[in-house]
Amino acid sequence: MVLRVEANKDAVEIVTFGVLALRYLTPDRDHAVVHYVKKVMVPKWGMTPIDDIRRKDVRDWLMGLDYSGPTIQKIKGIMHAVFEYGIFEESCSTNPCSGWRLKNVGSDYKPLMVTPEQTLSILRSFTDPLYFALVFTVAATALRASEVVALRWADILWDENRIRVNKRWRLGADGKPKTEASNSTVALGSALAQALRSWREASPYTAGTDFVFPSLTMMGKVPVCTSVFVRNYLRKAAIAAGVVIPDGYRFGLHNLRSSLSHWLVNQNVDVKTVSTMLRHSKIQTTLDLYTQGRNDSKIAAQDKYVAAIGIGRIPSITRDEDPSFDQRYDCS
């Protein structure tokens, strides 16, 4: 809604927050940004003229939201960006989200660490080569769940010893990487390359455009559902391996990402190398983010961790060697 006031025959536009926010939502905005703007901010502030929104009102509203601390911080950050856009476009004069911080909204969540020994136990528990390759890939590369399932075989750059990461799977389609730093590559060490080659020999879907980790029940049209995999397999395997996971505590593939970083740093691997392996977007995350590590250093670090897990050469799995292959993969 836009209000207009006639003064000396000149129309003065008074822009509401809703109008400004919708202008801010260009087609390339991340889905989460669109969600929080349309579903959280606009219902509260949509009809309010932007220059009538005060800092205290924003603070009180944020503190009353029924979200976790990090999510409230994210909402404040998005709202801050909307107002910065408005200032740039000369639609508003001030940003009520600037110059103050929210208190007592931090997260007390600490990711559970999985040791190399526990990772080996988890991997040995999987008889399905798809699940083995999926978990091993995440453990060795620290790819996010949305990134690893978005991989196609063409993203495995065998000759360059790299895996290309330029997308993530969100809402049933490819989306942009999480951050600019995420749009990069990760190392492909020898043991991981052998594991992926072994899985490709077993997979029914091996074209360059096929998913590396496809949903077999959906005939490879979409990737495997990680939430179902975690609930039905990974969490149980981790508990059996000795990972203490309290009831209701968050656990998933991301814990393998955190564990790789934790282990490498405590093994005195150069922090800049670890930072580039994880492709962090904030300097506070692993120190001095923007200094790029060499790929051979990342491969050496990955191989060091893989050796600690205890994985060497992965035997191939073929139809001839596995009589149950056709039944499990419905390839008759």
C-alpha atoms as a PDB file:
ATOM      1  CA  MET A   1       0.000   0.000   0.000  1.00  0.00           C
ATOM      2  CA  VAL A   2       1.259   3.485  -0.858  1.00  0.00           C
ATOM      3  CA  LEU A   3      -0.241   6.599   0.707  1.00  0.00           C
ATOM      4  CA  ARG A   4      -0.165   9.856  -1.195  1.00  0.00           C
ATOM      5  CA  VAL A   5      -0.539  13.307   0.328  1.00  0.00           C
ATOM      6  CA  GLU A   6      -1.355  16.301  -1.865  1.00  0.00           C
ATOM      7  CA  ALA A   7       0.748  19.339  -1.078  1.00  0.00           C
ATOM      8  CA  ASN A   8       1.037  22.257  -3.485  1.00  0.00           C
ATOM      9  CA  LYS A   9      -0.323  19.964  -6.207  1.00  0.00           C
ATOM     10  CA  ASP A  10       2.753  17.720  -5.874  1.00  0.00           C
ATOM     11  CA  ALA A  11       2.145  14.110  -4.833  1.00  0.00           C
ATOM     12  CA  VAL A  12       4.455  12.973  -2.051  1.00  0.00           C
ATOM     13  CA  GLU A  13       4.897   9.219  -1.875  1.00  0.00           C
ATOM     14  CA  ILE A  14       4.948   7.682   1.582  1.00  0.00           C
ATOM     15  CA  VAL A  15       6.311   4.179   1.161  1.00  0.00           C
ATOM     16  CA  THR A  16       5.191   1.451   3.524  1.00  0.00           C
ATOM     17  CA  PHE A  17       7.474  -1.325   4.680  1.00  0.00           C
ATOM     18  CA  GLY A  18       5.489  -3.821   2.619  1.00  0.00           C
ATOM     19  CA  VAL A  19       6.099  -1.909  -0.602  1.00  0.00           C
ATOM     20  CA  LEU A  20       9.800  -1.493   0.127  1.00  0.00           C
ATOM     21  CA  ALA A  21      10.230  -5.138   1.102  1.00  0.00           C
ATOM     22  CA  LEU A  22       8.575  -6.417  -2.064  1.00  0.00           C
ATOM     23  CA  ARG A  23      10.796  -4.150  -4.135  1.00  0.00           C
ATOM     24  CA  TYR A  24      13.780  -5.633  -2.313  1.00  0.00           C
ATOM     25  CA  LEU A  25      12.739  -9.195  -3.210  1.00  0.00           C
ATOM     26  CA  THR A  26      14.334  -9.526  -6.606  1.00  0.00           C
ATOM     27  CA  PRO A  27      13.947 -12.921  -8.356  1.00  0.00           C
ATOM     28  CA  ASP A  28      17.433 -14.044  -7.325  1.00  0.00           C
ATOM     29  CA  ARG A  29      16.839 -13.637  -3.584  1.00  0.00           C
ATOM     30  CA  ASP A  30      17.398 -16.729  -1.475  1.00  0.00           C
ATOM     31  CA  HIS A  31      14.226 -18.657  -0.619  1.00  0.00           C
ATOM     32  CA  ALA A  32      14.810 -18.183   3.110  1.00  0.00           C
ATOM     33  CA  VAL A  33      14.956 -14.405   2.655  1.00  0.00           C
ATOM     34  CA  VAL A  34      11.703 -14.431   0.707  1.00  0.00           C
ATOM     35  CA  HIS A  35      10.062 -16.581   3.372  1.00  0.00           C
ATOM     36  CA  TYR A  36      11.024 -14.383   6.315  1.00  0.00           C
ATOM     37  CA  VAL A  37      10.084 -11.181   4.511  1.00  0.00           C
ATOM     38  CA  LYS A  38       6.662 -12.361   3.327  1.00  0.00           C
ATOM     39  CA  LYS A  39       5.681 -14.614   6.224  1.00  0.00           C
ATOM     40  CA  VAL A  40       7.222 -12.838   9.214  1.00  0.00           C
ATOM     41  CA  MET A  41       7.974  -9.165   8.485  1.00  0.00           C
ATOM     42  CA  VAL A  42       5.213  -8.081   6.138  1.00  0.00           C
ATOM     43  CA  PRO A  43       2.340  -9.366   8.348  1.00  0.00           C
ATOM     44  CA  LYS A  44       3.664  -7.160  11.155  1.00  0.00           C
ATOM     45  CA  TRP A  45       5.073  -4.116   9.368  1.00  0.00           C
ATOM     46  CA  GLY A  46       3.564  -4.247   5.880  1.00  0.00           C
ATOM     47  CA  MET A  47       1.161  -1.323   6.315  1.00  0.00           C
ATOM     48  CA  THR A  48       3.521   0.857   8.379  1.00  0.00           C
ATOM     49  CA  PRO A  49       5.259   3.806   6.692  1.00  0.00           C
ATOM     50  CA  ILE A  50       8.929   2.954   6.772  1.00  0.00           C
ATOM     51  CA  ASP A  51      10.017   6.169   8.478  1.00  0.00           C
ATOM     52  CA  ASP A  52       7.563   5.475  11.300  1.00  0.00           C
ATOM     53  CA  ILE A  53       9.328   2.264  12.347  1.00  0.00           C
ATOM     54  CA  ARG A  54      11.469   2.822  15.459  1.00  0.00           C
ATOM     55  CA  ARG A  55      14.364   0.846  16.883  1.00  0.00           C
ATOM     56  CA  LYS A  56      12.636   0.034  20.162  1.00  0.00           C
ATOM     57  CA  ASP A  57       9.566  -1.263  18.345  1.00  0.00           C
ATOM     58  CA  VAL A  58      11.712  -3.541  16.178  1.00  0.00           C
ATOM     59  CA  ARG A  59      13.638  -4.796  19.202  1.00  0.00           C
ATOM     60  CA  ASP A  60      10.492  -5.582  21.194  1.00  0.00           C
ATOM     61  CA  TRP A  61       8.943  -7.353  18.215  1.00  0.00           C
ATOM     62  CA  LEU A  62      12.036  -9.462  17.581  1.00  0.00           C
ATOM     63  CA  MET A  63      12.310 -10.463  21.232  1.00  0.00           C
ATOM     64  CA  GLY A  64       8.706 -11.643  21.146  1.00  0.00           C
ATOM     65  CA  LEU A  65       9.143 -13.930  18.151  1.00  0.00           C
ATOM     66  CA  ASP A  66       8.895 -17.656  18.778  1.00  0.00           C
ATOM     67  CA  TYR A  67      12.120 -18.565  16.994  1.00  0.00           C
ATOM     68  CA  SER A  68      15.583 -19.684  18.044  1.00  0.00           C
ATOM     69  CA  GLY A  69      18.227 -17.064  18.760  1.00  0.00           C
ATOM     70  CA  PRO A  70      20.132 -17.548  15.479  1.00  0.00           C
ATOM     71  CA  THR A  71      16.908 -17.311  13.481  1.00  0.00           C
ATOM     72  CA  ILE A  72      15.933 -14.064  15.213  1.00  0.00           C
ATOM     73  CA  GLN A  73      19.392 -12.713  14.387  1.00  0.00           C
ATOM     74  CA  LYS A  74      18.860 -13.756  10.779  1.00  0.00           C
ATOM     75  CA  ILE A  75      15.485 -11.990  10.628  1.00  0.00           C
ATOM     76  CA  LYS A  76      17.045  -8.817  12.024  1.00  0.00           C
ATOM     77  CA  GLY A  77      19.806  -9.049   9.426  1.00  0.00           C
ATOM     78  CA  ILE A  78      17.334  -9.397   6.567  1.00  0.00           C
ATOM     79  CA  MET A  79      15.275  -6.476   7.860  1.00  0.00           C
ATOM     80  CA  HIS A  80      18.466  -4.440   8.132  1.00  0.00           C
ATOM     81  CA  ALA A  81      19.228  -5.229   4.479  1.00  0.00           C
ATOM     82  CA  VAL A  82      15.739  -4.144   3.414  1.00  0.00           C
ATOM     83  CA  PHE A  83      16.227  -0.752   5.039  1.00  0.00           C
ATOM     84  CA  GLU A  84      19.726  -0.362   3.609  1.00  0.00           C
ATOM     85  CA  TYR A  85      18.205  -0.986   0.199  1.00  0.00           C
ATOM     86  CA  GLY A  86      15.570   1.662   0.971  1.00  0.00           C
ATOM     87  CA  ILE A  87      18.212   4.208   1.962  1.00  0.00           C
ATOM     88  CA  PHE A  88      20.158   3.533  -1.240  1.00  0.00           C
ATOM     89  CA  GLU A  89      16.997   3.976  -3.304  1.00  0.00           C
ATOM     90  CA  GLU A  90      16.159   7.145  -1.313  1.00  0.00           C
ATOM     91  CA  SER A  91      12.881   5.645  -0.153  1.00  0.00           C
ATOM     92  CA  CYS A  92      13.696   6.065   3.538  1.00  0.00           C
ATOM     93  CA  SER A  93      16.088   8.123   5.607  1.00  0.00           C
ATOM     94  CA  THR A  94      17.138   5.852   8.482  1.00  0.00           C
ATOM     95  CA  ASN A  95      17.665   2.192   9.314  1.00  0.00           C
ATOM     96  CA  PRO A  96      16.019   1.226  12.628  1.00  0.00           C
ATOM     97  CA  CYS A  97      17.984  -2.067  12.639  1.00  0.00           C
ATOM     98  CA  SER A  98      21.366  -0.287  12.821  1.00  0.00           C
ATOM     99  CA  GLY A  99      23.374   0.763  15.838  1.00  0.00           C
ATOM    100  CA  TRP A 100      22.212  -1.843  18.364  1.00  0.00           C
ATOM    101  CA  ARG A 101      22.501  -5.543  19.127  1.00  0.00           C
ATOM    102  CA  LEU A 102      20.125  -8.156  20.385  1.00  0.00           C
ATOM    103  CA  LYS A 103      21.087  -9.646  23.736  1.00  0.00           C
ATOM    104  CA  ASN A 104      20.539 -13.161  25.041  1.00  0.00           C
ATOM    105  CA  VAL A 105      19.499 -14.599  21.689  1.00  0.00           C
ATOM    106  CA  GLY A 106      22.519 -16.774  21.045  1.00  0.00           C
ATOM    107  CA  SER A 107      22.303 -20.500  20.454  1.00  0.00           C
ATOM    108  CA  ASP A 108      23.442 -23.003  23.066  1.00  0.00           C
ATOM    109  CA  TYR A 109      23.610 -25.759  20.465  1.00  0.00           C
ATOM    110  CA  LYS A 110      26.970 -27.497  20.202  1.00  0.00           C
ATOM    111  CA  PRO A 111      27.454 -30.002  17.387  1.00  0.00           C
ATOM    112  CA  LEU A 112      28.292 -33.520  18.496  1.00  0.00           C
ATOM    113  CA  MET A 113      31.707 -34.579  17.274  1.00  0.00           C
ATOM    114  CA  VAL A 114      32.275 -37.911  15.579  1.00  0.00           C
ATOM    115  CA  THR A 115      35.761 -39.347  15.963  1.00  0.00           C
ATOM    116  CA  PRO A 116      37.591 -41.027  13.061  1.00  0.00           C
ATOM    117  CA  GLU A 117      37.136 -44.374  14.833  1.00  0.00           C
ATOM    118  CA  GLN A 118      33.387 -43.817  15.132  1.00  0.00           C
ATOM    119  CA  THR A 119      33.224 -42.738  11.493  1.00  0.00           C
ATOM    120  CA  LEU A 120      34.863 -45.999  10.456  1.00  0.00           C
ATOM    121  CA  SER A 121      32.329 -47.939  12.513  1.00  0.00           C
ATOM    122  CA  ILE A 122      29.480 -46.041  10.891  1.00  0.00           C
ATOM    123  CA  LEU A 123      30.839 -46.713   7.416  1.00  0.00           C
ATOM    124  CA  ARG A 124      31.321 -50.418   8.115  1.00  0.00           C
ATOM    125  CA  SER A 125      27.688 -50.681   9.218  1.00  0.00           C
ATOM    126  CA  PHE A 126      26.401 -49.785   5.745  1.00  0.00           C
ATOM    127  CA  THR A 127      25.899 -52.704   3.392  1.00  0.00           C
ATOM    128  CA  ASP A 128      24.381 -50.426   0.766  1.00  0.00           C
ATOM    129  CA  PRO A 129      27.176 -48.929  -1.381  1.00  0.00           C
ATOM    130  CA  LEU A 130      25.132 -45.765  -1.993  1.00  0.00           C
ATOM    131  CA  TYR A 131      24.977 -44.984   1.718  1.00  0.00           C
ATOM    132  CA  PHE A 132      28.637 -45.880   2.193  1.00  0.00           C
ATOM    133  CA  ALA A 133      29.716 -43.534  -0.620  1.00  0.00           C
ATOM    134  CA  LEU A 134      27.416 -40.749   0.582  1.00  0.00           C
ATOM    135  CA  VAL A 135      28.702 -40.748   4.152  1.00  0.00           C
ATOM    136  CA  PHE A 136      32.323 -41.211   3.109  1.00  0.00           C
ATOM    137  CA  THR A 137      32.062 -38.270   0.710  1.00  0.00           C
ATOM    138  CA  VAL A 138      30.682 -35.976   3.403  1.00  0.00           C
ATOM    139  CA  ALA A 139      33.188 -37.186   6.006  1.00  0.00           C
ATOM    140  CA  ALA A 140      36.122 -36.569   3.651  1.00  0.00           C
ATOM    141  CA  THR A 141      35.019 -33.293   2.047  1.00  0.00           C
ATOM    142  CA  ALA A 142      32.778 -31.601   4.654  1.00  0.00           C
ATOM    143  CA  LEU A 143      30.185 -30.913   1.973  1.00  0.00           C
ATOM    144  CA  ARG A 144      26.843 -29.721   3.260  1.00  0.00           C
ATOM    145  CA  ALA A 145      23.939 -32.143   2.840  1.00  0.00           C
ATOM    146  CA  SER A 146      22.270 -29.895   0.264  1.00  0.00           C
ATOM    147  CA  GLU A 147      25.530 -29.716  -1.687  1.00  0.00           C
ATOM    148  CA  VAL A 148      26.431 -33.408  -1.709  1.00  0.00           C
ATOM    149  CA  VAL A 149      23.015 -34.525  -2.973  1.00  0.00           C
ATOM    150  CA  ALA A 150      23.125 -31.900  -5.738  1.00  0.00           C
ATOM    151  CA  LEU A 151      26.284 -33.423  -7.217  1.00  0.00           C
ATOM    152  CA  ARG A 152      26.147 -34.898 -10.719  1.00  0.00           C
ATOM    153  CA  TRP A 153      28.809 -37.178 -12.112  1.00  0.00           C
ATOM    154  CA  ALA A 154      30.014 -34.341 -14.333  1.00  0.00           C
ATOM    155  CA  ASP A 155      30.951 -32.468 -11.140  1.00  0.00           C
ATOM    156  CA  ILE A 156      33.536 -35.123 -10.268  1.00  0.00           C
ATOM    157  CA  LEU A 157      36.636 -33.730 -11.960  1.00  0.00           C
ATOM    158  CA  TRP A 158      38.711 -36.895 -11.916  1.00  0.00           C
ATOM    159  CA  ASP A 159      41.725 -35.528 -13.798  1.00  0.00           C
ATOM    160  CA  GLU A 160      41.905 -32.411 -11.605  1.00  0.00           C
ATOM    161  CA  ASN A 161      41.465 -34.215  -8.259  1.00  0.00           C
ATOM    162  CA  ARG A 162      38.577 -31.907  -7.446  1.00  0.00           C
ATOM    163  CA  ILE A 163      34.829 -31.955  -6.959  1.00  0.00           C
ATOM    164  CA  ARG A 164      32.951 -28.944  -8.308  1.00  0.00           C
ATOM    165  CA  VAL A 165      30.447 -27.346  -5.921  1.00  0.00           C
ATOM    166  CA  ASN A 166      28.337 -24.748  -7.732  1.00  0.00           C
ATOM    167  CA  LYS A 167      24.804 -25.515  -6.565  1.00  0.00           C
ATOM    168  CA  ARG A 168      22.723 -27.010  -3.782  1.00  0.00           C
ATOM    169  CA  TRP A 169      19.475 -28.948  -3.785  1.00  0.00           C
ATOM    170  CA  ARG A 170      16.602 -26.959  -2.298  1.00  0.00           C
ATOM    171  CA  LEU A 171      12.857 -27.343  -2.605  1.00  0.00           C
ATOM    172  CA  GLY A 172      13.155 -30.016  -5.261  1.00  0.00           C
ATOM    173  CA  ALA A 173      15.443 -28.082  -7.589  1.00  0.00           C
ATOM    174  CA  ASP A 174      18.976 -26.806  -7.989  1.00  0.00           C
ATOM    175  CA  GLY A 175      19.647 -23.539  -6.202  1.00  0.00           C
ATOM    176  CA  LYS A 176      22.515 -21.145  -5.756  1.00  0.00           C
ATOM    177  CA  PRO A 177      25.361 -22.021  -3.374  1.00  0.00           C
ATOM    178  CA  LYS A 178      24.835 -20.919   0.217  1.00  0.00           C
ATOM    179  CA  THR A 179      27.503 -18.214  -0.012  1.00  0.00           C
ATOM    180  CA  GLU A 180      29.912 -16.821  -2.573  1.00  0.00           C
ATOM    181  CA  ALA A 181      32.704 -18.754  -0.875  1.00  0.00           C
ATOM    182  CA  SER A 182      30.703 -21.965  -1.174  1.00  0.00           C
ATOM    183  CA  ASN A 183      30.825 -21.725  -4.974  1.00  0.00           C
ATOM    184  CA  SER A 184      34.152 -23.467  -5.294  1.00  0.00           C
ATOM    185  CA  THR A 185      35.695 -26.939  -5.353  1.00  0.00           C
ATOM    186  CA  VAL A 186      36.667 -29.500  -2.745  1.00  0.00           C
ATOM    187  CA  ALA A 187      39.555 -31.922  -2.858  1.00  0.00           C
ATOM    188  CA  LEU A 188      39.249 -35.377  -4.365  1.00  0.00           C
ATOM    189  CA  GLY A 189      41.872 -37.547  -2.692  1.00  0.00           C
ATOM    190  CA  SER A 190      42.837 -40.991  -3.910  1.00  0.00           C
ATOM    191  CA  ALA A 191      40.762 -43.012  -1.415  1.00  0.00           C
ATOM    192  CA  LEU A 192      37.669 -40.890  -2.006  1.00  0.00           C
ATOM    193  CA  ALA A 193      38.132 -41.116  -5.781  1.00  0.00           C
ATOM    194  CA  GLN A 194      38.333 -44.905  -5.538  1.00  0.00           C
ATOM    195  CA  ALA A 195      35.203 -45.039  -3.398  1.00  0.00           C
ATOM    196  CA  LEU A 196      33.278 -42.912  -5.893  1.00  0.00           C
ATOM    197  CA  ARG A 197      34.507 -44.978  -8.838  1.00  0.00           C
ATOM    198  CA  SER A 198      33.383 -48.111  -7.019  1.00  0.00           C
ATOM    199  CA  TRP A 199      29.955 -46.618  -6.390  1.00  0.00           C
ATOM    200  CA  ARG A 200      29.652 -45.505 -10.015  1.00  0.00           C
ATOM    201  CA  GLU A 201      30.239 -49.091 -11.129  1.00  0.00           C
ATOM    202  CA  ALA A 202      27.356 -50.172  -8.906  1.00  0.00           C
ATOM    203  CA  SER A 203      24.964 -47.293  -9.584  1.00  0.00           C
ATOM    204  CA  PRO A 204      22.223 -47.677 -12.208  1.00  0.00           C
ATOM    205  CA  TYR A 205      22.658 -43.986 -13.085  1.00  0.00           C
ATOM    206  CA  THR A 206      26.112 -43.075 -14.385  1.00  0.00           C
ATOM    207  CA  ALA A 207      25.642 -40.388 -17.055  1.00  0.00           C
ATOM    208  CA  GLY A 208      27.313 -37.059 -16.515  1.00  0.00           C
ATOM    209  CA  THR A 209      23.967 -35.412 -15.826  1.00  0.00           C
ATOM    210  CA  ASP A 210      22.825 -38.110 -13.381  1.00  0.00           C
ATOM    211  CA  PHE A 211      22.878 -37.547  -9.640  1.00  0.00           C
ATOM    212  CA  VAL A 212      25.853 -39.083  -7.882  1.00  0.00           C
ATOM    213  CA  PHE A 213      23.552 -40.060  -5.020  1.00  0.00           C
ATOM    214  CA  PRO A 214      20.157 -40.673  -6.651  1.00  0.00           C
ATOM    215  CA  SER A 215      16.887 -41.711  -5.113  1.00  0.00           C
ATOM    216  CA  LEU A 216      16.518 -45.235  -6.411  1.00  0.00           C
ATOM    217  CA  THR A 217      12.826 -45.355  -5.535  1.00  0.00           C
ATOM    218  CA  MET A 218      12.316 -42.272  -7.736  1.00  0.00           C
ATOM    219  CA  MET A 219      14.309 -43.807 -10.603  1.00  0.00           C
ATOM    220  CA  GLY A 220      17.125 -41.299 -10.229  1.00  0.00           C
ATOM    221  CA  LYS A 221      14.968 -38.297 -11.056  1.00  0.00           C
ATOM    222  CA  VAL A 222      15.814 -36.649  -7.732  1.00  0.00           C
ATOM    223  CA  PRO A 223      18.625 -37.197  -5.227  1.00  0.00           C
ATOM    224  CA  VAL A 224      18.362 -39.306  -2.119  1.00  0.00           C
ATOM    225  CA  CYS A 225      16.420 -37.644   0.713  1.00  0.00           C
ATOM    226  CA  THR A 226      18.988 -36.918   3.409  1.00  0.00           C
ATOM    227  CA  SER A 227      16.461 -36.345   6.184  1.00  0.00           C
ATOM    228  CA  VAL A 228      15.001 -39.815   5.675  1.00  0.00           C
ATOM    229  CA  PHE A 229      18.484 -41.319   5.423  1.00  0.00           C
ATOM    230  CA  VAL A 230      19.586 -39.653   8.646  1.00  0.00           C
ATOM    231  CA  ARG A 231      16.467 -40.725  10.532  1.00  0.00           C
ATOM    232  CA  ASN A 232      16.418 -44.319   9.307  1.00  0.00           C
ATOM    233  CA  TYR A 233      20.116 -45.102   9.016  1.00  0.00           C
ATOM    234  CA  LEU A 234      22.767 -42.561   9.988  1.00  0.00           C
ATOM    235  CA  ARG A 235      21.509 -41.674  13.457  1.00  0.00           C
ATOM    236  CA  LYS A 236      21.121 -45.350  14.376  1.00  0.00           C
ATOM    237  CA  ALA A 237      24.558 -46.185  12.986  1.00  0.00           C
ATOM    238  CA  ALA A 238      26.130 -43.320  14.937  1.00  0.00           C
ATOM    239  CA  ILE A 239      24.560 -44.430  18.212  1.00  0.00           C
ATOM    240  CA  ALA A 240      25.751 -47.998  17.575  1.00  0.00           C
ATOM    241  CA  ALA A 241      29.229 -46.592  16.940  1.00  0.00           C
ATOM    242  CA  GLY A 242      29.283 -44.953  20.365  1.00  0.00           C
ATOM    243  CA  VAL A 243      28.189 -41.401  19.542  1.00  0.00           C
ATOM    244  CA  VAL A 244      26.092 -40.222  22.477  1.00  0.00           C
ATOM    245  CA  ILE A 245      23.045 -38.491  20.969  1.00  0.00           C
ATOM    246  CA  PRO A 246      20.436 -37.372  23.542  1.00  0.00           C
ATOM    247  CA  ASP A 247      16.799 -37.815  22.594  1.00  0.00           C
ATOM    248  CA  GLY A 248      15.661 -34.929  20.453  1.00  0.00           C
ATOM    249  CA  TYR A 249      19.200 -33.606  19.930  1.00  0.00           C
ATOM    250  CA  ARG A 250      20.025 -32.501  16.407  1.00  0.00           C
ATOM    251  CA  PHE A 251      22.303 -34.851  14.515  1.00  0.00           C
ATOM    252  CA  GLY A 252      22.929 -35.396  10.840  1.00  0.00           C
ATOM    253  CA  LEU A 253      25.416 -35.205   8.005  1.00  0.00           C
ATOM    254  CA  HIS A 254      26.451 -31.743   9.159  1.00  0.00           C
ATOM    255  CA  ASN A 255      28.049 -33.317  12.220  1.00  0.00           C
ATOM    256  CA  LEU A 256      30.556 -35.008   9.921  1.00  0.00           C
ATOM    257  CA  ARG A 257      31.406 -31.589   8.495  1.00  0.00           C
ATOM    258  CA  SER A 258      32.000 -30.174  11.972  1.00  0.00           C
ATOM    259  CA  SER A 259      33.987 -33.233  12.995  1.00  0.00           C
ATOM    260  CA  LEU A 260      36.375 -32.951  10.067  1.00  0.00           C
ATOM    261  CA  SER A 261      37.120 -29.316  10.912  1.00  0.00           C
ATOM    262  CA  HIS A 262      37.502 -30.073  14.621  1.00  0.00           C
ATOM    263  CA  TRP A 263      39.869 -32.980  14.046  1.00  0.00           C
ATOM    264  CA  LEU A 264      42.076 -31.236  11.487  1.00  0.00           C
ATOM    265  CA  VAL A 265      42.497 -28.103  13.590  1.00  0.00           C
ATOM    266  CA  ASN A 266      43.414 -30.211  16.617  1.00  0.00           C
ATOM    267  CA  GLN A 267      45.939 -32.070  14.472  1.00  0.00           C
ATOM    268  CA  ASN A 268      47.612 -28.732  13.781  1.00  0.00           C
ATOM    269  CA  VAL A 269      46.598 -28.652  10.123  1.00  0.00           C
ATOM    270  CA  ASP A 270      46.970 -25.101   8.832  1.00  0.00           C
ATOM    271  CA  VAL A 271      43.759 -23.232   9.680  1.00  0.00           C
ATOM    272  CA  LYS A 272      43.694 -21.521   6.292  1.00  0.00           C
ATOM    273  CA  THR A 273      43.681 -24.922   4.628  1.00  0.00           C
ATOM    274  CA  VAL A 274      40.829 -26.065   6.849  1.00  0.00           C
ATOM    275  CA  SER A 275      38.927 -22.853   6.121  1.00  0.00           C
ATOM    276  CA  THR A 276      39.153 -23.342   2.367  1.00  0.00           C
ATOM    277  CA  MET A 277      38.220 -27.011   2.692  1.00  0.00           C
ATOM    278  CA  LEU A 278      34.987 -26.011   4.414  1.00  0.00           C
ATOM    279  CA  ARG A 279      34.495 -22.943   2.177  1.00  0.00           C
ATOM    280  CA  HIS A 280      33.405 -20.775   5.075  1.00  0.00           C
ATOM    281  CA  SER A 281      31.974 -17.362   4.264  1.00  0.00           C
ATOM    282  CA  LYS A 282      32.813 -15.589   7.528  1.00  0.00           C
ATOM    283  CA  ILE A 283      36.306 -14.858   8.739  1.00  0.00           C
ATOM    284  CA  GLN A 284      35.333 -15.638  12.342  1.00  0.00           C
ATOM    285  CA  THR A 285      34.482 -19.222  11.430  1.00  0.00           C
ATOM    286  CA  THR A 286      37.945 -20.606  10.788  1.00  0.00           C
ATOM    287  CA  LEU A 287      40.167 -17.544  10.832  1.00  0.00           C
ATOM    288  CA  ASP A 288      41.398 -15.558   7.881  1.00  0.00           C
ATOM    289  CA  LEU A 289      38.904 -16.965   5.408  1.00  0.00           C
ATOM    290  CA  TYR A 290      39.995 -15.119   2.354  1.00  0.00           C
ATOM    291  CA  THR A 291      43.464 -16.606   2.085  1.00  0.00           C
ATOM    292  CA  GLN A 292      43.039 -19.489  -0.347  1.00  0.00           C
ATOM    293  CA  GLY A 293      44.600 -22.860   0.401  1.00  0.00           C
ATOM    294  CA  ARG A 294      46.320 -24.899  -2.303  1.00  0.00           C
ATOM    295  CA  ASN A 295      44.439 -27.925  -3.614  1.00  0.00           C
ATOM    296  CA  ASP A 296      47.400 -30.248  -3.010  1.00  0.00           C
ATOM    297  CA  SER A 297      47.408 -29.144   0.645  1.00  0.00           C
ATOM    298  CA  LYS A 298      43.685 -29.894   0.880  1.00  0.00           C
ATOM    299  CA  ILE A 299      44.197 -33.316  -0.710  1.00  0.00           C
ATOM    300  CA  ALA A 300      46.986 -34.074   1.763  1.00  0.00           C
ATOM    301  CA  ALA A 301      44.764 -33.024   4.667  1.00  0.00           C
ATOM    302  CA  GLN A 302      41.860 -35.105   3.358  1.00  0.00           C
ATOM    303  CA  ASP A 303      44.103 -38.145   2.902  1.00  0.00           C
ATOM    304  CA  LYS A 304      45.403 -37.707   6.444  1.00  0.00           C
ATOM    305  CA  TYR A 305      41.879 -37.795   7.837  1.00  0.00           C
ATOM    306  CA  VAL A 306      40.850 -40.711   5.611  1.00  0.00           C
ATOM    307  CA  ALA A 307      43.890 -42.660   6.814  1.00  0.00           C
ATOM    308  CA  ALA A 308      42.837 -41.986  10.409  1.00  0.00           C
ATOM    309  CA  ILE A 309      39.384 -43.362   9.608  1.00  0.00           C
ATOM    310  CA  GLY A 310      41.060 -46.483   8.304  1.00  0.00           C
ATOM    311  CA  ILE A 311      39.746 -46.478   4.753  1.00  0.00           C
ATOM    312  CA  GLY A 312      42.139 -47.496   2.024  1.00  0.00           C
ATOM    313  CA  ARG A 313      41.297 -48.949  -1.346  1.00  0.00           C
ATOM    314  CA  ILE A 314      37.568 -49.621  -1.756  1.00  0.00           C
ATOM    315  CA  PRO A 315      36.735 -52.850  -3.597  1.00  0.00           C
ATOM    316  CA  SER A 316      34.468 -52.546  -6.617  1.00  0.00           C
ATOM    317  CA  ILE A 317      30.868 -53.704  -6.313  1.00  0.00           C
ATOM    318  CA  THR A 318      29.448 -55.157  -9.505  1.00  0.00           C
ATOM    319  CA  ARG A 319      26.518 -57.301 -10.527  1.00  0.00           C
ATOM    320  CA  ASP A 320      28.773 -60.320 -10.903  1.00  0.00           C
ATOM    321  CA  GLU A 321      30.188 -59.950  -7.382  1.00  0.00           C
ATOM    322  CA  ASP A 322      26.892 -59.079  -5.696  1.00  0.00           C
ATOM    323  CA  PRO A 323      24.048 -61.488  -6.542  1.00  0.00           C
ATOM    324  CA  SER A 324      21.503 -59.271  -4.771  1.00  0.00           C
ATOM    325  CA  PHE A 325      22.430 -56.190  -6.844  1.00  0.00           C
ATOM    326  CA  ASP A 326      19.477 -56.372  -9.251  1.00  0.00           C
ATOM    327  CA  GLN A 327      16.978 -56.945  -6.436  1.00  0.00           C
ATOM    328  CA  ARG A 328      18.259 -54.061  -4.326  1.00  0.00           C
ATOM    329  CA  TYR A 329      18.407 -51.654  -7.227  1.00  0.00           C
ATOM    330  CA  ASP A 330      15.395 -52.968  -9.158  1.00  0.00           C
ATOM    331  CA  CYS A 331      17.368 -53.217 -12.382  1.00  0.00           C
ATOM    332  CA  SER A 332      15.579 -56.230 -13.810  1.00  0.00           C
END
